[in-house]
Amino acid sequence: MTDRISAEPNAALIPLLDPIEFTRRLCEIESTTYHEGAVGDFLADFLALRGWSVEKTPVPQPNENADGGPRWNVYAGVAGETPDLVFSTHMDTVPPYIPFSEDADFMYGRGVSDAKGIIAAQVAAGEALRAVGFRIGLLFVSGEERDSAGALVANQASKGSRFLINGEPTDNRLALASKGALRASFRCKGKMCHSAYPELGESAVHKLVEVLGKILAMPLPELEGIGPAR
């Protein structure tokens, strides 16, 4: 069930968002994949207090991590409104958790680049655009670093939009597309034998090596602007 959090404070009393400070606060919350609950709760409450209508949608845990606690997707927008533009990225980080630190020039820790700093930049941009009349949505998902479970949940209840900007580190270059992945599982059967009589056996490993060699030699497509598949 989706939880909805709404707040309507006086917009004139909401201070401008400091994305640097917001990044700091996000990165101080551990949210390695499967442990996104705390940062999702923080984001939902924070955005609601800034006048967004917020929905928290549960994202299931995999069977092997069933006791990992609740985790969410967080969507923020205007109730009943289809946004023109949605900013989206993910809340989870790869393990292990690295505590936040900073010096005079740089910030360090899990999520500074991928992707809590991006969350902060997107919220700041979304609020600036909302203030001048654009219809904006914010979608922050769980599970991106492992199985994209949050994206699957979001697709089942899409809010729709004319445009979507997905945030990922790109060396400050504008990226117009992203390569996907094709995954396959191969299983080979062999026959056991005693090492004194190897001719009586049949190696499943050798069969797999031959299959992998064929895959590496397989011609793959290339798309203009995206580059070769590999």
C-alpha atoms as a PDB file:
ATOM      1  CA  MET A   1       0.000   0.000   0.000  1.00  0.00           C
ATOM      2  CA  THR A   2       1.261   3.456  -0.883  1.00  0.00           C
ATOM      3  CA  ASP A   3       1.620   5.912   2.000  1.00  0.00           C
ATOM      4  CA  ARG A   4       0.812   9.532   1.194  1.00  0.00           C
ATOM      5  CA  ILE A   5       2.285  12.486   3.055  1.00  0.00           C
ATOM      6  CA  SER A   6       0.977  15.955   2.314  1.00  0.00           C
ATOM      7  CA  ALA A   7       1.893  19.324   3.717  1.00  0.00           C
ATOM      8  CA  GLU A   8       1.057  22.804   2.512  1.00  0.00           C
ATOM      9  CA  PRO A   9       3.301  25.310   4.316  1.00  0.00           C
ATOM     10  CA  ASN A  10       3.435  28.901   3.200  1.00  0.00           C
ATOM     11  CA  ALA A  11       5.735  28.854   0.161  1.00  0.00           C
ATOM     12  CA  ALA A  12       7.070  32.278   1.082  1.00  0.00           C
ATOM     13  CA  LEU A  13       8.411  30.834   4.349  1.00  0.00           C
ATOM     14  CA  ILE A  14      10.303  27.935   2.744  1.00  0.00           C
ATOM     15  CA  PRO A  15      14.003  28.825   2.480  1.00  0.00           C
ATOM     16  CA  LEU A  16      15.942  28.109  -0.695  1.00  0.00           C
ATOM     17  CA  LEU A  17      17.396  24.636  -0.663  1.00  0.00           C
ATOM     18  CA  ASP A  18      21.145  24.413  -0.106  1.00  0.00           C
ATOM     19  CA  PRO A  19      22.108  21.376  -2.247  1.00  0.00           C
ATOM     20  CA  ILE A  20      25.512  21.079  -0.547  1.00  0.00           C
ATOM     21  CA  GLU A  21      24.017  20.815   2.919  1.00  0.00           C
ATOM     22  CA  PHE A  22      21.274  18.529   1.611  1.00  0.00           C
ATOM     23  CA  THR A  23      23.885  16.200   0.070  1.00  0.00           C
ATOM     24  CA  ARG A  24      25.672  16.135   3.421  1.00  0.00           C
ATOM     25  CA  ARG A  25      22.501  15.130   5.270  1.00  0.00           C
ATOM     26  CA  LEU A  26      21.626  12.413   2.747  1.00  0.00           C
ATOM     27  CA  CYS A  27      25.117  10.907   2.778  1.00  0.00           C
ATOM     28  CA  GLU A  28      25.134  10.702   6.566  1.00  0.00           C
ATOM     29  CA  ILE A  29      22.298   8.133   6.286  1.00  0.00           C
ATOM     30  CA  GLU A  30      23.416   4.611   5.395  1.00  0.00           C
ATOM     31  CA  SER A  31      21.381   3.255   2.481  1.00  0.00           C
ATOM     32  CA  THR A  32      23.291   0.410   0.879  1.00  0.00           C
ATOM     33  CA  THR A  33      21.032  -1.680  -1.350  1.00  0.00           C
ATOM     34  CA  TYR A  34      18.278  -3.467   0.627  1.00  0.00           C
ATOM     35  CA  HIS A  35      18.681  -0.933   3.480  1.00  0.00           C
ATOM     36  CA  GLU A  36      17.052   2.150   1.924  1.00  0.00           C
ATOM     37  CA  GLY A  37      14.243   2.497   4.464  1.00  0.00           C
ATOM     38  CA  ALA A  38      15.834   5.201   6.615  1.00  0.00           C
ATOM     39  CA  VAL A  39      16.854   7.473   3.754  1.00  0.00           C
ATOM     40  CA  GLY A  40      13.433   6.996   2.131  1.00  0.00           C
ATOM     41  CA  ASP A  41      11.714   8.056   5.359  1.00  0.00           C
ATOM     42  CA  PHE A  42      13.981  11.086   5.647  1.00  0.00           C
ATOM     43  CA  LEU A  43      13.382  12.141   2.032  1.00  0.00           C
ATOM     44  CA  ALA A  44       9.623  11.728   2.293  1.00  0.00           C
ATOM     45  CA  ASP A  45       9.356  13.819   5.457  1.00  0.00           C
ATOM     46  CA  PHE A  46      11.794  16.449   4.170  1.00  0.00           C
ATOM     47  CA  LEU A  47       9.928  16.951   0.890  1.00  0.00           C
ATOM     48  CA  ALA A  48       6.522  17.011   2.568  1.00  0.00           C
ATOM     49  CA  LEU A  49       7.694  19.837   4.840  1.00  0.00           C
ATOM     50  CA  ARG A  50       8.729  21.770   1.726  1.00  0.00           C
ATOM     51  CA  GLY A  51       5.239  21.620   0.260  1.00  0.00           C
ATOM     52  CA  TRP A  52       5.394  18.510  -1.944  1.00  0.00           C
ATOM     53  CA  SER A  53       2.671  15.880  -1.964  1.00  0.00           C
ATOM     54  CA  VAL A  54       4.670  12.722  -1.229  1.00  0.00           C
ATOM     55  CA  GLU A  55       3.984   9.033  -1.768  1.00  0.00           C
ATOM     56  CA  LYS A  56       6.034   6.184  -0.326  1.00  0.00           C
ATOM     57  CA  THR A  57       5.540   2.949  -2.244  1.00  0.00           C
ATOM     58  CA  PRO A  58       6.920  -0.279  -0.722  1.00  0.00           C
ATOM     59  CA  VAL A  59       9.606  -2.128  -2.658  1.00  0.00           C
ATOM     60  CA  PRO A  60       9.822  -5.849  -1.810  1.00  0.00           C
ATOM     61  CA  GLN A  61      12.940  -7.387  -0.355  1.00  0.00           C
ATOM     62  CA  PRO A  62      14.432 -10.421  -2.138  1.00  0.00           C
ATOM     63  CA  ASN A  63      13.903 -13.763  -0.409  1.00  0.00           C
ATOM     64  CA  GLU A  64      17.506 -13.923   0.775  1.00  0.00           C
ATOM     65  CA  ASN A  65      17.095 -10.558   2.536  1.00  0.00           C
ATOM     66  CA  ALA A  66      13.515 -10.893   3.722  1.00  0.00           C
ATOM     67  CA  ASP A  67      14.425  -9.576   7.196  1.00  0.00           C
ATOM     68  CA  GLY A  68      16.124  -6.470   5.835  1.00  0.00           C
ATOM     69  CA  GLY A  69      13.281  -4.184   6.855  1.00  0.00           C
ATOM     70  CA  PRO A  70      10.956  -1.947   4.826  1.00  0.00           C
ATOM     71  CA  ARG A  71      12.187   0.095   1.893  1.00  0.00           C
ATOM     72  CA  TRP A  72      10.441   2.452  -0.473  1.00  0.00           C
ATOM     73  CA  ASN A  73      10.222   4.416  -3.634  1.00  0.00           C
ATOM     74  CA  VAL A  74       9.573   8.076  -2.904  1.00  0.00           C
ATOM     75  CA  TYR A  75       7.503  10.149  -5.352  1.00  0.00           C
ATOM     76  CA  ALA A  76       6.881  13.864  -4.831  1.00  0.00           C
ATOM     77  CA  GLY A  77       4.683  16.126  -6.918  1.00  0.00           C
ATOM     78  CA  VAL A  78       1.295  17.807  -6.782  1.00  0.00           C
ATOM     79  CA  ALA A  79      -1.672  15.598  -5.937  1.00  0.00           C
ATOM     80  CA  GLY A  80      -3.793  14.809  -9.000  1.00  0.00           C
ATOM     81  CA  GLU A  81      -1.379  16.516 -11.407  1.00  0.00           C
ATOM     82  CA  THR A  82       0.504  14.936 -14.302  1.00  0.00           C
ATOM     83  CA  PRO A  83       3.947  16.544 -14.359  1.00  0.00           C
ATOM     84  CA  ASP A  84       5.604  17.986 -17.440  1.00  0.00           C
ATOM     85  CA  LEU A  85       9.001  16.846 -16.189  1.00  0.00           C
ATOM     86  CA  VAL A  86      10.097  14.190 -13.705  1.00  0.00           C
ATOM     87  CA  PHE A  87      13.552  14.135 -12.157  1.00  0.00           C
ATOM     88  CA  SER A  88      14.544  10.630 -11.123  1.00  0.00           C
ATOM     89  CA  THR A  89      17.490   8.738  -9.650  1.00  0.00           C
ATOM     90  CA  HIS A  90      18.153   6.152  -6.935  1.00  0.00           C
ATOM     91  CA  MET A  91      18.599   6.296  -3.166  1.00  0.00           C
ATOM     92  CA  ASP A  92      20.647   3.131  -2.649  1.00  0.00           C
ATOM     93  CA  THR A  93      24.425   2.898  -2.748  1.00  0.00           C
ATOM     94  CA  VAL A  94      26.843   0.025  -3.248  1.00  0.00           C
ATOM     95  CA  PRO A  95      28.273  -1.569  -0.105  1.00  0.00           C
ATOM     96  CA  PRO A  96      30.118  -1.133   2.117  1.00  0.00           C
ATOM     97  CA  TYR A  97      28.881   2.054   3.716  1.00  0.00           C
ATOM     98  CA  ILE A  98      31.589   4.733   3.840  1.00  0.00           C
ATOM     99  CA  PRO A  99      30.882   7.507   6.380  1.00  0.00           C
ATOM    100  CA  PHE A 100      30.617  11.036   5.039  1.00  0.00           C
ATOM    101  CA  SER A 101      33.569  13.403   5.312  1.00  0.00           C
ATOM    102  CA  GLU A 102      34.752  16.550   3.570  1.00  0.00           C
ATOM    103  CA  ASP A 103      37.632  18.960   3.277  1.00  0.00           C
ATOM    104  CA  ALA A 104      37.972  22.447   1.813  1.00  0.00           C
ATOM    105  CA  ASP A 105      37.581  21.189  -1.746  1.00  0.00           C
ATOM    106  CA  PHE A 106      35.748  17.863  -1.836  1.00  0.00           C
ATOM    107  CA  MET A 107      33.057  15.745  -0.228  1.00  0.00           C
ATOM    108  CA  TYR A 108      33.639  12.034   0.332  1.00  0.00           C
ATOM    109  CA  GLY A 109      31.467   9.044   1.176  1.00  0.00           C
ATOM    110  CA  ARG A 110      28.911   6.736  -0.336  1.00  0.00           C
ATOM    111  CA  GLY A 111      26.427   8.596  -2.485  1.00  0.00           C
ATOM    112  CA  VAL A 112      28.241  11.899  -2.898  1.00  0.00           C
ATOM    113  CA  SER A 113      28.409  11.205  -6.628  1.00  0.00           C
ATOM    114  CA  ASP A 114      26.166   8.162  -7.063  1.00  0.00           C
ATOM    115  CA  ALA A 115      23.544   9.319  -6.444  1.00  0.00           C
ATOM    116  CA  LYS A 116      22.700  11.375  -3.345  1.00  0.00           C
ATOM    117  CA  GLY A 117      24.448  14.467  -4.643  1.00  0.00           C
ATOM    118  CA  ILE A 118      22.272  14.024  -7.729  1.00  0.00           C
ATOM    119  CA  ILE A 119      19.146  13.792  -5.547  1.00  0.00           C
ATOM    120  CA  ALA A 120      20.079  17.113  -3.937  1.00  0.00           C
ATOM    121  CA  ALA A 121      20.682  18.758  -7.311  1.00  0.00           C
ATOM    122  CA  GLN A 122      17.395  17.425  -8.678  1.00  0.00           C
ATOM    123  CA  VAL A 123      15.356  18.605  -5.701  1.00  0.00           C
ATOM    124  CA  ALA A 124      16.932  22.064  -5.950  1.00  0.00           C
ATOM    125  CA  ALA A 125      16.226  22.210  -9.694  1.00  0.00           C
ATOM    126  CA  GLY A 126      12.705  20.864  -9.223  1.00  0.00           C
ATOM    127  CA  GLU A 127      11.859  23.483  -6.624  1.00  0.00           C
ATOM    128  CA  ALA A 128      13.269  26.284  -8.767  1.00  0.00           C
ATOM    129  CA  LEU A 129      11.181  25.168 -11.752  1.00  0.00           C
ATOM    130  CA  ARG A 130       8.083  24.619  -9.622  1.00  0.00           C
ATOM    131  CA  ALA A 131       8.399  28.170  -8.263  1.00  0.00           C
ATOM    132  CA  VAL A 132       8.039  29.636 -11.766  1.00  0.00           C
ATOM    133  CA  GLY A 133       5.044  27.534 -12.728  1.00  0.00           C
ATOM    134  CA  PHE A 134       6.336  24.289 -14.227  1.00  0.00           C
ATOM    135  CA  ARG A 135       4.668  21.021 -13.269  1.00  0.00           C
ATOM    136  CA  ILE A 136       7.430  18.935 -11.701  1.00  0.00           C
ATOM    137  CA  GLY A 137       7.672  15.455 -10.241  1.00  0.00           C
ATOM    138  CA  LEU A 138      10.486  13.790  -8.288  1.00  0.00           C
ATOM    139  CA  LEU A 139      10.953  10.011  -8.261  1.00  0.00           C
ATOM    140  CA  PHE A 140      13.621   8.368  -6.127  1.00  0.00           C
ATOM    141  CA  VAL A 141      13.858   4.581  -6.234  1.00  0.00           C
ATOM    142  CA  SER A 142      15.357   1.715  -4.239  1.00  0.00           C
ATOM    143  CA  GLY A 143      17.427  -1.199  -5.474  1.00  0.00           C
ATOM    144  CA  GLU A 144      19.077   0.317  -8.544  1.00  0.00           C
ATOM    145  CA  GLU A 145      22.530  -1.019  -7.718  1.00  0.00           C
ATOM    146  CA  ARG A 146      21.410  -4.658  -7.710  1.00  0.00           C
ATOM    147  CA  ASP A 147      18.176  -5.651  -9.460  1.00  0.00           C
ATOM    148  CA  SER A 148      16.289  -2.397 -10.211  1.00  0.00           C
ATOM    149  CA  ALA A 149      13.426  -3.591  -8.018  1.00  0.00           C
ATOM    150  CA  GLY A 150      12.312  -0.024  -7.362  1.00  0.00           C
ATOM    151  CA  ALA A 151      12.150   0.780 -11.075  1.00  0.00           C
ATOM    152  CA  LEU A 152       9.938  -2.268 -11.634  1.00  0.00           C
ATOM    153  CA  VAL A 153       7.564  -1.070  -8.901  1.00  0.00           C
ATOM    154  CA  ALA A 154       7.533   2.466 -10.315  1.00  0.00           C
ATOM    155  CA  ASN A 155       6.657   1.182 -13.784  1.00  0.00           C
ATOM    156  CA  GLN A 156       3.595  -0.562 -12.376  1.00  0.00           C
ATOM    157  CA  ALA A 157       2.151   2.765 -11.178  1.00  0.00           C
ATOM    158  CA  SER A 158       3.573   5.324 -13.574  1.00  0.00           C
ATOM    159  CA  LYS A 159       2.525   8.929 -13.044  1.00  0.00           C
ATOM    160  CA  GLY A 160       3.322   9.842 -16.642  1.00  0.00           C
ATOM    161  CA  SER A 161       5.201  12.904 -17.833  1.00  0.00           C
ATOM    162  CA  ARG A 162       6.291  14.592 -21.045  1.00  0.00           C
ATOM    163  CA  PHE A 163       9.946  14.333 -20.122  1.00  0.00           C
ATOM    164  CA  LEU A 164      12.067  12.425 -17.617  1.00  0.00           C
ATOM    165  CA  ILE A 165      15.634  13.235 -16.584  1.00  0.00           C
ATOM    166  CA  ASN A 166      17.425  10.310 -14.960  1.00  0.00           C
ATOM    167  CA  GLY A 167      20.416  11.199 -12.820  1.00  0.00           C
ATOM    168  CA  GLU A 168      23.611   9.158 -13.001  1.00  0.00           C
ATOM    169  CA  PRO A 169      27.290  10.190 -12.863  1.00  0.00           C
ATOM    170  CA  THR A 170      28.399  11.039 -16.432  1.00  0.00           C
ATOM    171  CA  ASP A 171      31.536  13.156 -15.891  1.00  0.00           C
ATOM    172  CA  ASN A 172      29.346  16.265 -16.262  1.00  0.00           C
ATOM    173  CA  ARG A 173      28.397  15.294 -19.821  1.00  0.00           C
ATOM    174  CA  LEU A 174      24.798  15.208 -21.011  1.00  0.00           C
ATOM    175  CA  ALA A 175      23.810  11.605 -21.715  1.00  0.00           C
ATOM    176  CA  LEU A 176      20.845  10.986 -24.012  1.00  0.00           C
ATOM    177  CA  ALA A 177      20.599   7.207 -23.618  1.00  0.00           C
ATOM    178  CA  SER A 178      21.953   4.303 -21.645  1.00  0.00           C
ATOM    179  CA  LYS A 179      23.008   0.834 -22.682  1.00  0.00           C
ATOM    180  CA  GLY A 180      20.999  -2.042 -21.334  1.00  0.00           C
ATOM    181  CA  ALA A 181      22.140  -5.567 -20.613  1.00  0.00           C
ATOM    182  CA  LEU A 182      21.283  -9.014 -21.919  1.00  0.00           C
ATOM    183  CA  ARG A 183      21.832 -11.748 -19.363  1.00  0.00           C
ATOM    184  CA  ALA A 184      21.736 -15.477 -20.020  1.00  0.00           C
ATOM    185  CA  SER A 185      22.405 -18.588 -17.963  1.00  0.00           C
ATOM    186  CA  PHE A 186      24.087 -21.630 -19.452  1.00  0.00           C
ATOM    187  CA  ARG A 187      24.111 -25.103 -17.979  1.00  0.00           C
ATOM    188  CA  CYS A 188      26.248 -27.951 -19.220  1.00  0.00           C
ATOM    189  CA  LYS A 189      26.226 -31.569 -18.119  1.00  0.00           C
ATOM    190  CA  GLY A 190      29.264 -33.783 -17.819  1.00  0.00           C
ATOM    191  CA  LYS A 191      30.177 -37.243 -16.678  1.00  0.00           C
ATOM    192  CA  MET A 192      32.272 -37.995 -13.610  1.00  0.00           C
ATOM    193  CA  CYS A 193      35.199 -40.353 -13.753  1.00  0.00           C
ATOM    194  CA  HIS A 194      38.301 -41.337 -11.848  1.00  0.00           C
ATOM    195  CA  SER A 195      41.416 -39.317 -12.600  1.00  0.00           C
ATOM    196  CA  ALA A 196      43.181 -42.518 -13.583  1.00  0.00           C
ATOM    197  CA  TYR A 197      40.713 -42.947 -16.454  1.00  0.00           C
ATOM    198  CA  PRO A 198      39.942 -39.435 -17.753  1.00  0.00           C
ATOM    199  CA  GLU A 199      38.929 -40.839 -21.114  1.00  0.00           C
ATOM    200  CA  LEU A 200      35.811 -42.251 -19.451  1.00  0.00           C
ATOM    201  CA  GLY A 201      34.658 -38.820 -18.305  1.00  0.00           C
ATOM    202  CA  GLU A 202      33.102 -35.834 -19.984  1.00  0.00           C
ATOM    203  CA  SER A 203      33.993 -32.303 -18.798  1.00  0.00           C
ATOM    204  CA  ALA A 204      31.110 -29.885 -18.339  1.00  0.00           C
ATOM    205  CA  VAL A 205      33.656 -27.088 -17.791  1.00  0.00           C
ATOM    206  CA  HIS A 206      35.200 -27.636 -21.216  1.00  0.00           C
ATOM    207  CA  LYS A 207      31.768 -27.347 -22.812  1.00  0.00           C
ATOM    208  CA  LEU A 208      31.133 -24.036 -21.038  1.00  0.00           C
ATOM    209  CA  VAL A 209      34.498 -22.680 -22.150  1.00  0.00           C
ATOM    210  CA  GLU A 210      33.587 -23.493 -25.754  1.00  0.00           C
ATOM    211  CA  VAL A 211      30.238 -21.710 -25.359  1.00  0.00           C
ATOM    212  CA  LEU A 212      31.899 -18.627 -23.876  1.00  0.00           C
ATOM    213  CA  GLY A 213      34.368 -18.552 -26.742  1.00  0.00           C
ATOM    214  CA  LYS A 214      31.506 -18.532 -29.235  1.00  0.00           C
ATOM    215  CA  ILE A 215      29.778 -15.702 -27.341  1.00  0.00           C
ATOM    216  CA  LEU A 216      32.948 -13.579 -27.355  1.00  0.00           C
ATOM    217  CA  ALA A 217      33.286 -14.097 -31.099  1.00  0.00           C
ATOM    218  CA  MET A 218      29.645 -13.301 -31.808  1.00  0.00           C
ATOM    219  CA  PRO A 219      29.068 -10.155 -33.933  1.00  0.00           C
ATOM    220  CA  LEU A 220      27.031  -7.627 -31.950  1.00  0.00           C
ATOM    221  CA  PRO A 221      25.087  -4.561 -33.147  1.00  0.00           C
ATOM    222  CA  GLU A 222      26.252  -0.967 -33.005  1.00  0.00           C
ATOM    223  CA  LEU A 223      23.871   1.989 -32.658  1.00  0.00           C
ATOM    224  CA  GLU A 224      24.776   5.492 -33.772  1.00  0.00           C
ATOM    225  CA  GLY A 225      25.215   7.774 -30.800  1.00  0.00           C
ATOM    226  CA  ILE A 226      25.381   4.850 -28.379  1.00  0.00           C
ATOM    227  CA  GLY A 227      28.317   2.869 -29.700  1.00  0.00           C
ATOM    228  CA  PRO A 228      28.992  -0.853 -29.933  1.00  0.00           C
ATOM    229  CA  ALA A 229      27.407  -3.496 -27.770  1.00  0.00           C
ATOM    230  CA  ARG A 230      29.915  -5.093 -25.445  1.00  0.00           C
END
